[in-house]
Amino acid sequence: QVQLVESGGGLVQPGGFLRLSCAASGFDFGRSSMSWFRQAGPDRELVATIVSDGFNSEYADYVKGRFTISRDNDKNILYLQMNSLKPEDTAVYYCNTPWSTLDWGQGTAVTVSS
């Protein structure tokens, strides 16, 4: 069965950094484009996407230059390196395919506050 388990969130001061992980199982991770999403209010928004081989990625304008998405297809893990964090990055972060085709995991909460 498909499972997405996000981890790595926490409380960090503005300007700080975190690395999120998403452990994936139950589907062909190595052949799937993957994305990170976040939800701070009623809507879940797309943050970053990486293609299956990891050679191309795209970012929402509000995280460009600060966040980096990457993946380890041998370990079936998706990462999100978040640098220069801002209070507005506070949200619950989730991973999924870009079309949200998998059951959502529980997410990992990121709080950016002094």
Protein backbone atom coordinates (compact mmCIF):
# COMPACT_ATOMS: atom_id res chain seq x y z
CA GLN A 1 0.00 0.00 0.00
CA VAL A 2 1.14 3.53 -0.72
CA GLN A 3 2.72 5.33 2.17
CA LEU A 4 4.20 8.82 2.41
CA VAL A 5 5.87 9.72 5.70
CA GLU A 6 7.10 13.26 6.09
CA SER A 7 9.55 14.29 8.79
CA GLY A 8 12.08 16.95 9.72
CA GLY A 9 9.81 19.82 10.67
CA GLY A 10 10.10 21.88 13.81
CA LEU A 11 10.47 25.33 15.29
CA VAL A 12 13.16 27.52 13.76
CA GLN A 13 14.03 31.20 13.97
CA PRO A 14 13.72 33.48 10.96
CA GLY A 15 16.78 33.09 8.76
CA GLY A 16 17.28 29.52 9.91
CA PHE A 17 17.14 26.29 7.98
CA LEU A 18 15.53 22.87 8.02
CA ARG A 19 15.68 19.76 5.85
CA LEU A 20 12.47 17.86 5.34
CA SER A 21 12.31 14.24 4.29
CA CYS A 22 9.55 12.17 2.73
CA ALA A 23 9.92 8.40 2.88
CA ALA A 24 7.88 6.81 0.11
CA SER A 25 6.76 3.22 -0.34
CA GLY A 26 4.17 1.15 -2.18
CA PHE A 27 4.60 2.68 -5.62
CA ASP A 28 7.29 3.12 -8.25
CA PHE A 29 8.97 6.14 -6.66
CA GLY A 30 11.90 6.14 -9.09
CA ARG A 31 9.57 6.64 -12.05
CA SER A 32 7.43 9.32 -10.43
CA SER A 33 7.78 13.07 -10.48
CA MET A 34 7.34 14.26 -6.90
CA SER A 35 6.40 17.50 -5.24
CA TRP A 36 6.33 19.23 -1.91
CA PHE A 37 3.18 21.07 -0.89
CA ARG A 38 2.37 23.19 2.11
CA GLN A 39 -0.78 24.21 3.89
CA ALA A 40 -1.11 27.14 6.24
CA GLY A 41 -4.78 27.86 5.73
CA PRO A 42 -7.65 26.25 3.84
CA ASP A 43 -5.69 25.70 0.63
CA ARG A 44 -2.72 23.45 0.00
CA GLU A 45 -0.15 25.06 -2.29
CA LEU A 46 2.55 23.60 -4.49
CA VAL A 47 6.05 24.48 -3.32
CA ALA A 48 8.46 22.52 -5.53
CA THR A 49 8.54 19.67 -8.04
CA ILE A 50 11.30 17.34 -9.19
CA VAL A 51 11.19 14.95 -12.11
CA SER A 52 11.82 11.23 -11.72
CA ASP A 53 15.54 11.28 -12.50
CA GLY A 54 16.18 14.35 -10.38
CA PHE A 55 17.73 16.40 -13.16
CA ASN A 56 15.01 19.05 -13.38
CA SER A 57 13.04 20.88 -10.74
CA GLU A 58 10.66 23.80 -10.46
CA TYR A 59 9.81 26.11 -7.60
CA ALA A 60 7.08 28.47 -6.55
CA ASP A 61 8.26 32.05 -6.85
CA TYR A 62 8.08 32.61 -3.11
CA VAL A 63 10.69 29.90 -2.39
CA LYS A 64 13.03 30.27 -5.38
CA GLY A 65 16.62 30.70 -4.29
CA ARG A 66 15.84 29.56 -0.74
CA PHE A 67 14.49 26.00 -1.06
CA THR A 68 16.01 23.05 -2.89
CA ILE A 69 14.15 19.85 -3.73
CA SER A 70 16.11 16.65 -4.23
CA ARG A 71 15.62 12.90 -4.15
CA ASP A 72 17.39 9.62 -3.50
CA ASN A 73 15.81 7.00 -5.74
CA ASP A 74 17.86 4.22 -4.15
CA LYS A 75 16.36 4.97 -0.75
CA ASN A 76 12.94 6.18 -2.00
CA ILE A 77 13.29 9.46 -0.16
CA LEU A 78 12.33 12.97 -1.24
CA TYR A 79 14.00 15.97 0.42
CA LEU A 80 13.35 19.67 0.79
CA GLN A 81 16.23 21.82 1.99
CA MET A 82 14.80 25.06 3.29
CA ASN A 83 17.17 27.97 3.92
CA SER A 84 16.61 31.59 4.89
CA LEU A 85 13.28 30.67 6.41
CA LYS A 86 10.66 33.37 6.88
CA PRO A 87 7.64 33.49 9.20
CA GLU A 88 5.41 33.14 6.14
CA ASP A 89 6.95 29.71 5.49
CA THR A 90 5.13 28.46 8.57
CA ALA A 91 2.88 25.60 7.43
CA VAL A 92 2.41 21.86 7.40
CA TYR A 93 4.48 20.39 4.59
CA TYR A 94 3.44 17.35 2.56
CA CYS A 95 4.84 15.33 -0.31
CA ASN A 96 2.89 13.81 -3.19
CA THR A 97 2.99 13.56 -6.95
CA PRO A 98 2.47 16.92 -8.70
CA TRP A 99 -1.11 15.86 -9.46
CA SER A 100 -1.77 14.77 -5.87
CA THR A 101 -2.56 11.24 -7.00
CA LEU A 102 -1.47 9.48 -3.82
CA ASP A 103 -3.05 9.34 -0.40
CA TRP A 104 -1.70 12.20 1.69
CA GLY A 105 0.61 11.54 4.59
CA GLN A 106 0.35 13.22 7.95
CA GLY A 107 2.68 16.04 6.96
CA THR A 108 5.39 17.68 9.02
CA ALA A 109 4.84 21.02 10.74
CA VAL A 110 7.27 23.89 10.23
CA THR A 111 7.05 26.94 12.46
CA VAL A 112 9.27 29.94 11.77
CA SER A 113 9.20 32.31 14.68
CA SER A 114 11.49 34.24 16.97
